[in-house]
Amino acid sequence: MHYYGHLFVTEWLDVLWLLLTPLIVHKKQLWKALAFMVLCMLVLRLQVEIVQSTGYSTGFTGLLDWPLMYRGFGVYGFFCALYLLLSYFSPYTRGAIYLAASLSIFFMAFTVSSIVLII
């Protein structure tokens, strides 16, 4: 069990956001919120693979000793929490406005995580 617990924490910790999403967001926002979480999970893994494929397992500068996945969990975790918090406190935001807000937060998360992974 210890091995699987360690594997979950090091590789799949962000799945918890998928489990929390239906509990926090409003009914009409659910599918877009789930798509946001899945997109963040996939892009994080792609970013980590791209940086690791260059041969730098701790980023290009080596200033941070954390593994890349932990850094990504921290950055995307912050933006996922922010996204869920904003979704909870804006129950009447739907349609194109909610989608635009989702994309804005996603691109902020992508940009910040790219910088943090490179450092």
PDB file of N, CA and C in Angstrom:
ATOM      1  N   MET A   1       0.824  -1.198   0.000  1.00  0.00           N
ATOM      2  CA  MET A   1       0.000   0.000   0.000  1.00  0.00           C
ATOM      3  C   MET A   1       0.866   1.259   0.000  1.00  0.00           C
ATOM      4  N   HIS A   2       2.008   1.188   0.659  1.00  0.00           N
ATOM      5  CA  HIS A   2       2.877   2.358   0.726  1.00  0.00           C
ATOM      6  C   HIS A   2       3.341   2.774  -0.668  1.00  0.00           C
ATOM      7  N   TYR A   3       3.647   1.794  -1.515  1.00  0.00           N
ATOM      8  CA  TYR A   3       4.096   2.097  -2.874  1.00  0.00           C
ATOM      9  C   TYR A   3       3.007   2.834  -3.655  1.00  0.00           C
ATOM     10  N   TYR A   4       1.769   2.340  -3.572  1.00  0.00           N
ATOM     11  CA  TYR A   4       0.678   2.952  -4.326  1.00  0.00           C
ATOM     12  C   TYR A   4       0.322   4.328  -3.778  1.00  0.00           C
ATOM     13  N   GLY A   5       0.450   4.506  -2.483  1.00  0.00           N
ATOM     14  CA  GLY A   5       0.228   5.829  -1.904  1.00  0.00           C
ATOM     15  C   GLY A   5       1.260   6.821  -2.397  1.00  0.00           C
ATOM     16  N   HIS A   6       2.505   6.391  -2.447  1.00  0.00           N
ATOM     17  CA  HIS A   6       3.580   7.255  -2.949  1.00  0.00           C
ATOM     18  C   HIS A   6       3.382   7.548  -4.435  1.00  0.00           C
ATOM     19  N   LEU A   7       2.995   6.532  -5.197  1.00  0.00           N
ATOM     20  CA  LEU A   7       2.749   6.715  -6.623  1.00  0.00           C
ATOM     21  C   LEU A   7       1.613   7.701  -6.856  1.00  0.00           C
ATOM     22  N   PHE A   8       0.555   7.597  -6.051  1.00  0.00           N
ATOM     23  CA  PHE A   8      -0.574   8.518  -6.198  1.00  0.00           C
ATOM     24  C   PHE A   8      -0.145   9.956  -5.931  1.00  0.00           C
ATOM     25  N   VAL A   9       0.604  10.163  -4.864  1.00  0.00           N
ATOM     26  CA  VAL A   9       1.015  11.520  -4.502  1.00  0.00           C
ATOM     27  C   VAL A   9       1.973  12.093  -5.534  1.00  0.00           C
ATOM     28  N   THR A  10       2.874  11.286  -6.048  1.00  0.00           N
ATOM     29  CA  THR A  10       3.869  11.819  -6.981  1.00  0.00           C
ATOM     30  C   THR A  10       3.349  11.976  -8.405  1.00  0.00           C
ATOM     31  N   GLU A  11       2.310  11.271  -8.780  1.00  0.00           N
ATOM     32  CA  GLU A  11       1.857  11.325 -10.170  1.00  0.00           C
ATOM     33  C   GLU A  11       0.409  11.773 -10.367  1.00  0.00           C
ATOM     34  N   TRP A  12      -0.465  11.490  -9.422  1.00  0.00           N
ATOM     35  CA  TRP A  12      -1.891  11.692  -9.661  1.00  0.00           C
ATOM     36  C   TRP A  12      -2.594  12.491  -8.575  1.00  0.00           C
ATOM     37  N   LEU A  13      -1.877  13.338  -7.871  1.00  0.00           N
ATOM     38  CA  LEU A  13      -2.480  14.120  -6.797  1.00  0.00           C
ATOM     39  C   LEU A  13      -3.570  15.060  -7.311  1.00  0.00           C
ATOM     40  N   ASP A  14      -3.431  15.530  -8.538  1.00  0.00           N
ATOM     41  CA  ASP A  14      -4.410  16.470  -9.066  1.00  0.00           C
ATOM     42  C   ASP A  14      -5.753  15.834  -9.422  1.00  0.00           C
ATOM     43  N   VAL A  15      -5.858  14.518  -9.348  1.00  0.00           N
ATOM     44  CA  VAL A  15      -7.150  13.859  -9.552  1.00  0.00           C
ATOM     45  C   VAL A  15      -8.136  14.272  -8.457  1.00  0.00           C
ATOM     46  N   LEU A  16      -7.615  14.663  -7.311  1.00  0.00           N
ATOM     47  CA  LEU A  16      -8.493  15.117  -6.231  1.00  0.00           C
ATOM     48  C   LEU A  16      -9.315  16.329  -6.652  1.00  0.00           C
ATOM     49  N   TRP A  17      -8.780  17.167  -7.532  1.00  0.00           N
ATOM     50  CA  TRP A  17      -9.557  18.314  -8.012  1.00  0.00           C
ATOM     51  C   TRP A  17     -10.769  17.848  -8.801  1.00  0.00           C
ATOM     52  N   LEU A  18     -10.627  16.747  -9.540  1.00  0.00           N
ATOM     53  CA  LEU A  18     -11.776  16.205 -10.275  1.00  0.00           C
ATOM     54  C   LEU A  18     -12.868  15.728  -9.329  1.00  0.00           C
ATOM     55  N   LEU A  19     -12.462  15.165  -8.204  1.00  0.00           N
ATOM     56  CA  LEU A  19     -13.443  14.684  -7.237  1.00  0.00           C
ATOM     57  C   LEU A  19     -14.112  15.831  -6.485  1.00  0.00           C
ATOM     58  N   LEU A  20     -13.392  16.915  -6.269  1.00  0.00           N
ATOM     59  CA  LEU A  20     -13.957  18.065  -5.561  1.00  0.00           C
ATOM     60  C   LEU A  20     -14.849  18.927  -6.447  1.00  0.00           C
ATOM     61  N   THR A  21     -14.606  18.927  -7.728  1.00  0.00           N
ATOM     62  CA  THR A  21     -15.325  19.820  -8.635  1.00  0.00           C
ATOM     63  C   THR A  21     -16.842  19.661  -8.575  1.00  0.00           C
ATOM     64  N   PRO A  22     -17.400  18.451  -8.662  1.00  0.00           N
ATOM     65  CA  PRO A  22     -18.863  18.348  -8.596  1.00  0.00           C
ATOM     66  C   PRO A  22     -19.448  18.782  -7.249  1.00  0.00           C
ATOM     67  N   LEU A  23     -18.645  18.755  -6.215  1.00  0.00           N
ATOM     68  CA  LEU A  23     -19.135  19.160  -4.905  1.00  0.00           C
ATOM     69  C   LEU A  23     -19.158  20.676  -4.735  1.00  0.00           C
ATOM     70  N   ILE A  24     -18.363  21.394  -5.526  1.00  0.00           N
ATOM     71  CA  ILE A  24     -18.201  22.834  -5.317  1.00  0.00           C
ATOM     72  C   ILE A  24     -18.941  23.670  -6.354  1.00  0.00           C
ATOM     73  N   VAL A  25     -18.812  23.317  -7.623  1.00  0.00           N
ATOM     74  CA  VAL A  25     -19.403  24.169  -8.663  1.00  0.00           C
ATOM     75  C   VAL A  25     -20.906  23.932  -8.758  1.00  0.00           C
ATOM     76  N   HIS A  26     -21.576  24.870  -9.413  1.00  0.00           N
ATOM     77  CA  HIS A  26     -23.021  24.783  -9.573  1.00  0.00           C
ATOM     78  C   HIS A  26     -23.363  23.888 -10.758  1.00  0.00           C
ATOM     79  N   LYS A  27     -24.569  23.400 -10.767  1.00  0.00           N
ATOM     80  CA  LYS A  27     -24.979  22.368 -11.719  1.00  0.00           C
ATOM     81  C   LYS A  27     -24.739  22.763 -13.181  1.00  0.00           C
ATOM     82  N   LYS A  28     -25.048  23.991 -13.540  1.00  0.00           N
ATOM     83  CA  LYS A  28     -24.915  24.397 -14.945  1.00  0.00           C
ATOM     84  C   LYS A  28     -23.473  24.715 -15.335  1.00  0.00           C
ATOM     85  N   GLN A  29     -22.573  24.722 -14.383  1.00  0.00           N
ATOM     86  CA  GLN A  29     -21.157  24.978 -14.662  1.00  0.00           C
ATOM     87  C   GLN A  29     -20.330  23.692 -14.660  1.00  0.00           C
ATOM     88  N   LEU A  30     -20.949  22.582 -14.330  1.00  0.00           N
ATOM     89  CA  LEU A  30     -20.207  21.360 -14.035  1.00  0.00           C
ATOM     90  C   LEU A  30     -19.353  20.865 -15.197  1.00  0.00           C
ATOM     91  N   TRP A  31     -19.910  20.755 -16.400  1.00  0.00           N
ATOM     92  CA  TRP A  31     -19.158  20.161 -17.502  1.00  0.00           C
ATOM     93  C   TRP A  31     -17.970  21.018 -17.917  1.00  0.00           C
ATOM     94  N   LYS A  32     -18.166  22.325 -17.902  1.00  0.00           N
ATOM     95  CA  LYS A  32     -17.040  23.206 -18.242  1.00  0.00           C
ATOM     96  C   LYS A  32     -15.970  23.148 -17.161  1.00  0.00           C
ATOM     97  N   ALA A  33     -16.388  23.049 -15.919  1.00  0.00           N
ATOM     98  CA  ALA A  33     -15.418  22.969 -14.819  1.00  0.00           C
ATOM     99  C   ALA A  33     -14.641  21.654 -14.881  1.00  0.00           C
ATOM    100  N   LEU A  34     -15.316  20.563 -15.178  1.00  0.00           N
ATOM    101  CA  LEU A  34     -14.620  19.278 -15.309  1.00  0.00           C
ATOM    102  C   LEU A  34     -13.646  19.305 -16.490  1.00  0.00           C
ATOM    103  N   ALA A  35     -14.067  19.921 -17.593  1.00  0.00           N
ATOM    104  CA  ALA A  35     -13.168  20.042 -18.749  1.00  0.00           C
ATOM    105  C   ALA A  35     -11.943  20.879 -18.389  1.00  0.00           C
ATOM    106  N   PHE A  36     -12.141  21.932 -17.610  1.00  0.00           N
ATOM    107  CA  PHE A  36     -11.022  22.760 -17.162  1.00  0.00           C
ATOM    108  C   PHE A  36     -10.035  21.934 -16.348  1.00  0.00           C
ATOM    109  N   MET A  37     -10.535  21.137 -15.419  1.00  0.00           N
ATOM    110  CA  MET A  37      -9.660  20.338 -14.557  1.00  0.00           C
ATOM    111  C   MET A  37      -8.892  19.288 -15.365  1.00  0.00           C
ATOM    112  N   VAL A  38      -9.577  18.614 -16.276  1.00  0.00           N
ATOM    113  CA  VAL A  38      -8.913  17.597 -17.103  1.00  0.00           C
ATOM    114  C   VAL A  38      -7.854  18.247 -17.995  1.00  0.00           C
ATOM    115  N   LEU A  39      -8.172  19.401 -18.559  1.00  0.00           N
ATOM    116  CA  LEU A  39      -7.204  20.109 -19.394  1.00  0.00           C
ATOM    117  C   LEU A  39      -5.973  20.508 -18.591  1.00  0.00           C
ATOM    118  N   CYS A  40      -6.170  20.982 -17.378  1.00  0.00           N
ATOM    119  CA  CYS A  40      -5.028  21.338 -16.526  1.00  0.00           C
ATOM    120  C   CYS A  40      -4.172  20.111 -16.220  1.00  0.00           C
ATOM    121  N   MET A  41      -4.818  18.979 -15.956  1.00  0.00           N
ATOM    122  CA  MET A  41      -4.069  17.752 -15.673  1.00  0.00           C
ATOM    123  C   MET A  41      -3.222  17.335 -16.874  1.00  0.00           C
ATOM    124  N   LEU A  42      -3.815  17.363 -18.052  1.00  0.00           N
ATOM    125  CA  LEU A  42      -3.097  16.937 -19.256  1.00  0.00           C
ATOM    126  C   LEU A  42      -1.954  17.882 -19.608  1.00  0.00           C
ATOM    127  N   VAL A  43      -2.216  19.167 -19.531  1.00  0.00           N
ATOM    128  CA  VAL A  43      -1.188  20.140 -19.906  1.00  0.00           C
ATOM    129  C   VAL A  43      -0.029  20.111 -18.919  1.00  0.00           C
ATOM    130  N   LEU A  44      -0.314  19.910 -17.646  1.00  0.00           N
ATOM    131  CA  LEU A  44       0.769  19.790 -16.660  1.00  0.00           C
ATOM    132  C   LEU A  44       1.701  18.650 -17.036  1.00  0.00           C
ATOM    133  N   ARG A  45       1.145  17.514 -17.367  1.00  0.00           N
ATOM    134  CA  ARG A  45       1.974  16.364 -17.716  1.00  0.00           C
ATOM    135  C   ARG A  45       2.769  16.616 -19.008  1.00  0.00           C
ATOM    136  N   LEU A  46       2.146  17.288 -19.968  1.00  0.00           N
ATOM    137  CA  LEU A  46       2.870  17.628 -21.195  1.00  0.00           C
ATOM    138  C   LEU A  46       4.021  18.589 -20.918  1.00  0.00           C
ATOM    139  N   GLN A  47       3.786  19.585 -20.080  1.00  0.00           N
ATOM    140  CA  GLN A  47       4.847  20.532 -19.749  1.00  0.00           C
ATOM    141  C   GLN A  47       6.009  19.831 -19.043  1.00  0.00           C
ATOM    142  N   VAL A  48       5.691  18.958 -18.105  1.00  0.00           N
ATOM    143  CA  VAL A  48       6.739  18.241 -17.375  1.00  0.00           C
ATOM    144  C   VAL A  48       7.531  17.360 -18.334  1.00  0.00           C
ATOM    145  N   GLU A  49       6.847  16.669 -19.244  1.00  0.00           N
ATOM    146  CA  GLU A  49       7.553  15.822 -20.208  1.00  0.00           C
ATOM    147  C   GLU A  49       8.458  16.633 -21.129  1.00  0.00           C
ATOM    148  N   ILE A  50       7.993  17.791 -21.541  1.00  0.00           N
ATOM    149  CA  ILE A  50       8.806  18.628 -22.430  1.00  0.00           C
ATOM    150  C   ILE A  50      10.080  19.069 -21.729  1.00  0.00           C
ATOM    151  N   VAL A  51       9.963  19.531 -20.493  1.00  0.00           N
ATOM    152  CA  VAL A  51      11.160  19.981 -19.771  1.00  0.00           C
ATOM    153  C   VAL A  51      12.080  18.797 -19.480  1.00  0.00           C
ATOM    154  N   GLN A  52      11.517  17.648 -19.096  1.00  0.00           N
ATOM    155  CA  GLN A  52      12.344  16.475 -18.811  1.00  0.00           C
ATOM    156  C   GLN A  52      13.024  15.944 -20.066  1.00  0.00           C
ATOM    157  N   SER A  53      12.389  16.100 -21.213  1.00  0.00           N
ATOM    158  CA  SER A  53      12.989  15.588 -22.450  1.00  0.00           C
ATOM    159  C   SER A  53      14.247  16.359 -22.839  1.00  0.00           C
ATOM    160  N   THR A  54      14.436  17.537 -22.276  1.00  0.00           N
ATOM    161  CA  THR A  54      15.648  18.305 -22.548  1.00  0.00           C
ATOM    162  C   THR A  54      16.821  17.849 -21.688  1.00  0.00           C
ATOM    163  N   GLY A  55      16.533  16.990 -20.697  1.00  0.00           N
ATOM    164  CA  GLY A  55      17.593  16.485 -19.834  1.00  0.00           C
ATOM    165  C   GLY A  55      17.732  17.223 -18.524  1.00  0.00           C
ATOM    166  N   TYR A  56      16.896  18.193 -18.292  1.00  0.00           N
ATOM    167  CA  TYR A  56      16.943  18.968 -17.047  1.00  0.00           C
ATOM    168  C   TYR A  56      15.771  18.544 -16.161  1.00  0.00           C
ATOM    169  N   SER A  57      16.050  17.693 -15.186  1.00  0.00           N
ATOM    170  CA  SER A  57      14.972  17.164 -14.346  1.00  0.00           C
ATOM    171  C   SER A  57      14.547  18.119 -13.246  1.00  0.00           C
ATOM    172  N   THR A  58      15.310  19.188 -13.024  1.00  0.00           N
ATOM    173  CA  THR A  58      14.918  20.179 -12.012  1.00  0.00           C
ATOM    174  C   THR A  58      14.808  21.571 -12.615  1.00  0.00           C
ATOM    175  N   GLY A  59      14.494  21.666 -13.891  1.00  0.00           N
ATOM    176  CA  GLY A  59      14.381  22.960 -14.548  1.00  0.00           C
ATOM    177  C   GLY A  59      15.693  23.371 -15.189  1.00  0.00           C
ATOM    178  N   PHE A  60      15.658  24.410 -15.989  1.00  0.00           N
ATOM    179  CA  PHE A  60      16.845  24.827 -16.733  1.00  0.00           C
ATOM    180  C   PHE A  60      17.879  25.524 -15.865  1.00  0.00           C
ATOM    181  N   THR A  61      17.442  26.262 -14.864  1.00  0.00           N
ATOM    182  CA  THR A  61      18.400  27.005 -14.041  1.00  0.00           C
ATOM    183  C   THR A  61      18.847  26.227 -12.818  1.00  0.00           C
ATOM    184  N   GLY A  62      18.026  25.302 -12.336  1.00  0.00           N
ATOM    185  CA  GLY A  62      18.377  24.529 -11.152  1.00  0.00           C
ATOM    186  C   GLY A  62      18.238  25.299  -9.851  1.00  0.00           C
ATOM    187  N   LEU A  63      17.538  26.433  -9.871  1.00  0.00           N
ATOM    188  CA  LEU A  63      17.377  27.234  -8.657  1.00  0.00           C
ATOM    189  C   LEU A  63      16.472  26.562  -7.625  1.00  0.00           C
ATOM    190  N   LEU A  64      15.517  25.777  -8.087  1.00  0.00           N
ATOM    191  CA  LEU A  64      14.609  25.075  -7.179  1.00  0.00           C
ATOM    192  C   LEU A  64      14.948  23.592  -7.181  1.00  0.00           C
ATOM    193  N   ASP A  65      14.958  22.989  -6.009  1.00  0.00           N
ATOM    194  CA  ASP A  65      15.295  21.568  -5.905  1.00  0.00           C
ATOM    195  C   ASP A  65      14.081  20.657  -6.027  1.00  0.00           C
ATOM    196  N   TRP A  66      12.895  21.216  -6.027  1.00  0.00           N
ATOM    197  CA  TRP A  66      11.694  20.390  -6.108  1.00  0.00           C
ATOM    198  C   TRP A  66      11.613  19.696  -7.460  1.00  0.00           C
ATOM    199  N   PRO A  67      11.057  18.489  -7.482  1.00  0.00           N
ATOM    200  CA  PRO A  67      10.798  17.849  -8.774  1.00  0.00           C
ATOM    201  C   PRO A  67       9.785  18.669  -9.585  1.00  0.00           C
ATOM    202  N   LEU A  68       9.844  18.531 -10.882  1.00  0.00           N
ATOM    203  CA  LEU A  68       8.978  19.313 -11.757  1.00  0.00           C
ATOM    204  C   LEU A  68       7.499  19.063 -11.487  1.00  0.00           C
ATOM    205  N   MET A  69       7.140  17.815 -11.226  1.00  0.00           N
ATOM    206  CA  MET A  69       5.730  17.500 -11.004  1.00  0.00           C
ATOM    207  C   MET A  69       5.203  18.188  -9.750  1.00  0.00           C
ATOM    208  N   TYR A  70       5.994  18.253  -8.707  1.00  0.00           N
ATOM    209  CA  TYR A  70       5.559  18.928  -7.479  1.00  0.00           C
ATOM    210  C   TYR A  70       5.367  20.422  -7.718  1.00  0.00           C
ATOM    211  N   ARG A  71       6.256  21.011  -8.486  1.00  0.00           N
ATOM    212  CA  ARG A  71       6.094  22.432  -8.822  1.00  0.00           C
ATOM    213  C   ARG A  71       4.806  22.650  -9.605  1.00  0.00           C
ATOM    214  N   GLY A  72       4.572  21.765 -10.554  1.00  0.00           N
ATOM    215  CA  GLY A  72       3.345  21.873 -11.345  1.00  0.00           C
ATOM    216  C   GLY A  72       2.103  21.678 -10.502  1.00  0.00           C
ATOM    217  N   PHE A  73       2.157  20.715  -9.577  1.00  0.00           N
ATOM    218  CA  PHE A  73       1.021  20.526  -8.671  1.00  0.00           C
ATOM    219  C   PHE A  73       0.752  21.794  -7.871  1.00  0.00           C
ATOM    220  N   GLY A  74       1.810  22.449  -7.425  1.00  0.00           N
ATOM    221  CA  GLY A  74       1.637  23.674  -6.644  1.00  0.00           C
ATOM    222  C   GLY A  74       0.994  24.787  -7.452  1.00  0.00           C
ATOM    223  N   VAL A  75       1.497  25.007  -8.654  1.00  0.00           N
ATOM    224  CA  VAL A  75       0.978  26.098  -9.483  1.00  0.00           C
ATOM    225  C   VAL A  75      -0.437  25.795  -9.949  1.00  0.00           C
ATOM    226  N   TYR A  76      -0.625  24.620 -10.536  1.00  0.00           N
ATOM    227  CA  TYR A  76      -1.964  24.287 -11.019  1.00  0.00           C
ATOM    228  C   TYR A  76      -2.941  24.111  -9.859  1.00  0.00           C
ATOM    229  N   GLY A  77      -2.470  23.635  -8.726  1.00  0.00           N
ATOM    230  CA  GLY A  77      -3.332  23.530  -7.552  1.00  0.00           C
ATOM    231  C   GLY A  77      -3.845  24.886  -7.110  1.00  0.00           C
ATOM    232  N   PHE A  78      -2.961  25.885  -7.118  1.00  0.00           N
ATOM    233  CA  PHE A  78      -3.383  27.242  -6.760  1.00  0.00           C
ATOM    234  C   PHE A  78      -4.449  27.743  -7.726  1.00  0.00           C
ATOM    235  N   PHE A  79      -4.226  27.572  -9.023  1.00  0.00           N
ATOM    236  CA  PHE A  79      -5.181  28.085 -10.000  1.00  0.00           C
ATOM    237  C   PHE A  79      -6.469  27.265 -10.035  1.00  0.00           C
ATOM    238  N   CYS A  80      -6.396  25.969  -9.770  1.00  0.00           N
ATOM    239  CA  CYS A  80      -7.622  25.170  -9.683  1.00  0.00           C
ATOM    240  C   CYS A  80      -8.449  25.585  -8.471  1.00  0.00           C
ATOM    241  N   ALA A  81      -7.787  25.832  -7.352  1.00  0.00           N
ATOM    242  CA  ALA A  81      -8.505  26.299  -6.162  1.00  0.00           C
ATOM    243  C   ALA A  81      -9.131  27.665  -6.422  1.00  0.00           C
ATOM    244  N   LEU A  82      -8.393  28.549  -7.070  1.00  0.00           N
ATOM    245  CA  LEU A  82      -8.930  29.864  -7.418  1.00  0.00           C
ATOM    246  C   LEU A  82     -10.133  29.721  -8.342  1.00  0.00           C
ATOM    247  N   TYR A  83     -10.031  28.846  -9.321  1.00  0.00           N
ATOM    248  CA  TYR A  83     -11.120  28.609 -10.269  1.00  0.00           C
ATOM    249  C   TYR A  83     -12.370  28.090  -9.558  1.00  0.00           C
ATOM    250  N   LEU A  84     -12.191  27.117  -8.685  1.00  0.00           N
ATOM    251  CA  LEU A  84     -13.342  26.573  -7.965  1.00  0.00           C
ATOM    252  C   LEU A  84     -13.951  27.606  -7.025  1.00  0.00           C
ATOM    253  N   LEU A  85     -13.118  28.400  -6.395  1.00  0.00           N
ATOM    254  CA  LEU A  85     -13.611  29.448  -5.506  1.00  0.00           C
ATOM    255  C   LEU A  85     -14.420  30.486  -6.286  1.00  0.00           C
ATOM    256  N   LEU A  86     -13.893  30.924  -7.411  1.00  0.00           N
ATOM    257  CA  LEU A  86     -14.624  31.886  -8.232  1.00  0.00           C
ATOM    258  C   LEU A  86     -15.905  31.283  -8.804  1.00  0.00           C
ATOM    259  N   SER A  87     -15.876  30.011  -9.165  1.00  0.00           N
ATOM    260  CA  SER A  87     -17.083  29.353  -9.668  1.00  0.00           C
ATOM    261  C   SER A  87     -18.151  29.262  -8.589  1.00  0.00           C
ATOM    262  N   TYR A  88     -17.726  28.972  -7.382  1.00  0.00           N
ATOM    263  CA  TYR A  88     -18.681  28.854  -6.278  1.00  0.00           C
ATOM    264  C   TYR A  88     -19.361  30.189  -5.985  1.00  0.00           C
ATOM    265  N   PHE A  89     -18.588  31.260  -6.027  1.00  0.00           N
ATOM    266  CA  PHE A  89     -19.140  32.567  -5.686  1.00  0.00           C
ATOM    267  C   PHE A  89     -19.761  33.304  -6.877  1.00  0.00           C
ATOM    268  N   SER A  90     -19.850  32.661  -8.019  1.00  0.00           N
ATOM    269  CA  SER A  90     -20.541  33.267  -9.166  1.00  0.00           C
ATOM    270  C   SER A  90     -21.531  32.264  -9.751  1.00  0.00           C
ATOM    271  N   PRO A  91     -22.622  31.995  -9.033  1.00  0.00           N
ATOM    272  CA  PRO A  91     -23.556  30.949  -9.464  1.00  0.00           C
ATOM    273  C   PRO A  91     -24.343  31.292 -10.727  1.00  0.00           C
ATOM    274  N   TYR A  92     -24.471  32.557 -11.072  1.00  0.00           N
ATOM    275  CA  TYR A  92     -25.277  32.938 -12.231  1.00  0.00           C
ATOM    276  C   TYR A  92     -24.443  33.172 -13.482  1.00  0.00           C
ATOM    277  N   THR A  93     -23.169  32.913 -13.412  1.00  0.00           N
ATOM    278  CA  THR A  93     -22.299  33.075 -14.576  1.00  0.00           C
ATOM    279  C   THR A  93     -22.345  31.789 -15.389  1.00  0.00           C
ATOM    280  N   ARG A  94     -22.817  31.920 -16.622  1.00  0.00           N
ATOM    281  CA  ARG A  94     -22.955  30.746 -17.484  1.00  0.00           C
ATOM    282  C   ARG A  94     -22.544  31.099 -18.909  1.00  0.00           C
ATOM    283  N   GLY A  95     -22.561  30.111 -19.748  1.00  0.00           N
ATOM    284  CA  GLY A  95     -22.360  30.315 -21.172  1.00  0.00           C
ATOM    285  C   GLY A  95     -20.994  30.847 -21.544  1.00  0.00           C
ATOM    286  N   ALA A  96     -21.020  31.822 -22.453  1.00  0.00           N
ATOM    287  CA  ALA A  96     -19.775  32.353 -23.011  1.00  0.00           C
ATOM    288  C   ALA A  96     -18.934  33.073 -21.965  1.00  0.00           C
ATOM    289  N   ILE A  97     -19.576  33.720 -21.011  1.00  0.00           N
ATOM    290  CA  ILE A  97     -18.825  34.440 -19.981  1.00  0.00           C
ATOM    291  C   ILE A  97     -18.050  33.450 -19.112  1.00  0.00           C
ATOM    292  N   TYR A  98     -18.688  32.367 -18.728  1.00  0.00           N
ATOM    293  CA  TYR A  98     -18.021  31.358 -17.897  1.00  0.00           C
ATOM    294  C   TYR A  98     -16.891  30.683 -18.673  1.00  0.00           C
ATOM    295  N   LEU A  99     -17.126  30.428 -19.940  1.00  0.00           N
ATOM    296  CA  LEU A  99     -16.091  29.822 -20.777  1.00  0.00           C
ATOM    297  C   LEU A  99     -14.899  30.767 -20.943  1.00  0.00           C
ATOM    298  N   ALA A 100     -15.171  32.047 -21.140  1.00  0.00           N
ATOM    299  CA  ALA A 100     -14.085  33.027 -21.273  1.00  0.00           C
ATOM    300  C   ALA A 100     -13.287  33.134 -19.978  1.00  0.00           C
ATOM    301  N   ALA A 101     -13.974  33.114 -18.849  1.00  0.00           N
ATOM    302  CA  ALA A 101     -13.272  33.159 -17.562  1.00  0.00           C
ATOM    303  C   ALA A 101     -12.428  31.905 -17.372  1.00  0.00           C
ATOM    304  N   SER A 102     -12.963  30.763 -17.775  1.00  0.00           N
ATOM    305  CA  SER A 102     -12.220  29.504 -17.666  1.00  0.00           C
ATOM    306  C   SER A 102     -10.950  29.546 -18.509  1.00  0.00           C
ATOM    307  N   LEU A 103     -11.069  30.032 -19.728  1.00  0.00           N
ATOM    308  CA  LEU A 103      -9.893  30.120 -20.599  1.00  0.00           C
ATOM    309  C   LEU A 103      -8.867  31.106 -20.058  1.00  0.00           C
ATOM    310  N   SER A 104      -9.338  32.210 -19.508  1.00  0.00           N
ATOM    311  CA  SER A 104      -8.408  33.197 -18.942  1.00  0.00           C
ATOM    312  C   SER A 104      -7.609  32.605 -17.794  1.00  0.00           C
ATOM    313  N   ILE A 105      -8.289  31.910 -16.904  1.00  0.00           N
ATOM    314  CA  ILE A 105      -7.596  31.306 -15.762  1.00  0.00           C
ATOM    315  C   ILE A 105      -6.667  30.196 -16.236  1.00  0.00           C
ATOM    316  N   PHE A 106      -7.097  29.435 -17.246  1.00  0.00           N
ATOM    317  CA  PHE A 106      -6.232  28.381 -17.768  1.00  0.00           C
ATOM    318  C   PHE A 106      -4.941  28.959 -18.344  1.00  0.00           C
ATOM    319  N   PHE A 107      -5.032  30.014 -19.139  1.00  0.00           N
ATOM    320  CA  PHE A 107      -3.824  30.584 -19.732  1.00  0.00           C
ATOM    321  C   PHE A 107      -2.933  31.239 -18.690  1.00  0.00           C
ATOM    322  N   MET A 108      -3.527  31.783 -17.632  1.00  0.00           N
ATOM    323  CA  MET A 108      -2.702  32.286 -16.527  1.00  0.00           C
ATOM    324  C   MET A 108      -1.941  31.136 -15.879  1.00  0.00           C
ATOM    325  N   ALA A 109      -2.646  30.021 -15.629  1.00  0.00           N
ATOM    326  CA  ALA A 109      -2.008  28.857 -15.012  1.00  0.00           C
ATOM    327  C   ALA A 109      -0.906  28.305 -15.912  1.00  0.00           C
ATOM    328  N   PHE A 110      -1.172  28.231 -17.199  1.00  0.00           N
ATOM    329  CA  PHE A 110      -0.184  27.716 -18.145  1.00  0.00           C
ATOM    330  C   PHE A 110       1.070  28.584 -18.170  1.00  0.00           C
ATOM    331  N   THR A 111       0.890  29.886 -18.211  1.00  0.00           N
ATOM    332  CA  THR A 111       2.026  30.801 -18.279  1.00  0.00           C
ATOM    333  C   THR A 111       2.862  30.749 -17.006  1.00  0.00           C
ATOM    334  N   VAL A 112       2.199  30.816 -15.863  1.00  0.00           N
ATOM    335  CA  VAL A 112       2.926  30.789 -14.588  1.00  0.00           C
ATOM    336  C   VAL A 112       3.628  29.451 -14.405  1.00  0.00           C
ATOM    337  N   SER A 113       2.948  28.347 -14.737  1.00  0.00           N
ATOM    338  CA  SER A 113       3.585  27.040 -14.564  1.00  0.00           C
ATOM    339  C   SER A 113       4.762  26.869 -15.519  1.00  0.00           C
ATOM    340  N   SER A 114       4.672  27.413 -16.712  1.00  0.00           N
ATOM    341  CA  SER A 114       5.809  27.339 -17.637  1.00  0.00           C
ATOM    342  C   SER A 114       7.023  28.038 -17.055  1.00  0.00           C
ATOM    343  N   ILE A 115       6.805  29.201 -16.477  1.00  0.00           N
ATOM    344  CA  ILE A 115       7.916  29.941 -15.873  1.00  0.00           C
ATOM    345  C   ILE A 115       8.483  29.181 -14.682  1.00  0.00           C
ATOM    346  N   VAL A 116       7.596  28.659 -13.835  1.00  0.00           N
ATOM    347  CA  VAL A 116       8.058  27.947 -12.632  1.00  0.00           C
ATOM    348  C   VAL A 116       8.780  26.655 -13.000  1.00  0.00           C
ATOM    349  N   LEU A 117       8.329  25.960 -14.028  1.00  0.00           N
ATOM    350  CA  LEU A 117       8.998  24.720 -14.430  1.00  0.00           C
ATOM    351  C   LEU A 117      10.358  24.992 -15.061  1.00  0.00           C
ATOM    352  N   ILE A 118      10.494  26.106 -15.717  1.00  0.00           N
ATOM    353  CA  ILE A 118      11.769  26.428 -16.357  1.00  0.00           C
ATOM    354  C   ILE A 118      12.816  26.851 -15.332  1.00  0.00           C
ATOM    355  N   ILE A 119      12.380  27.553 -14.289  1.00  0.00           N
ATOM    356  CA  ILE A 119      13.332  28.068 -13.283  1.00  0.00           C
ATOM    357  C   ILE A 119      14.097  26.936 -12.636  1.00  0.00           C
TER     358      ILE A 119
END
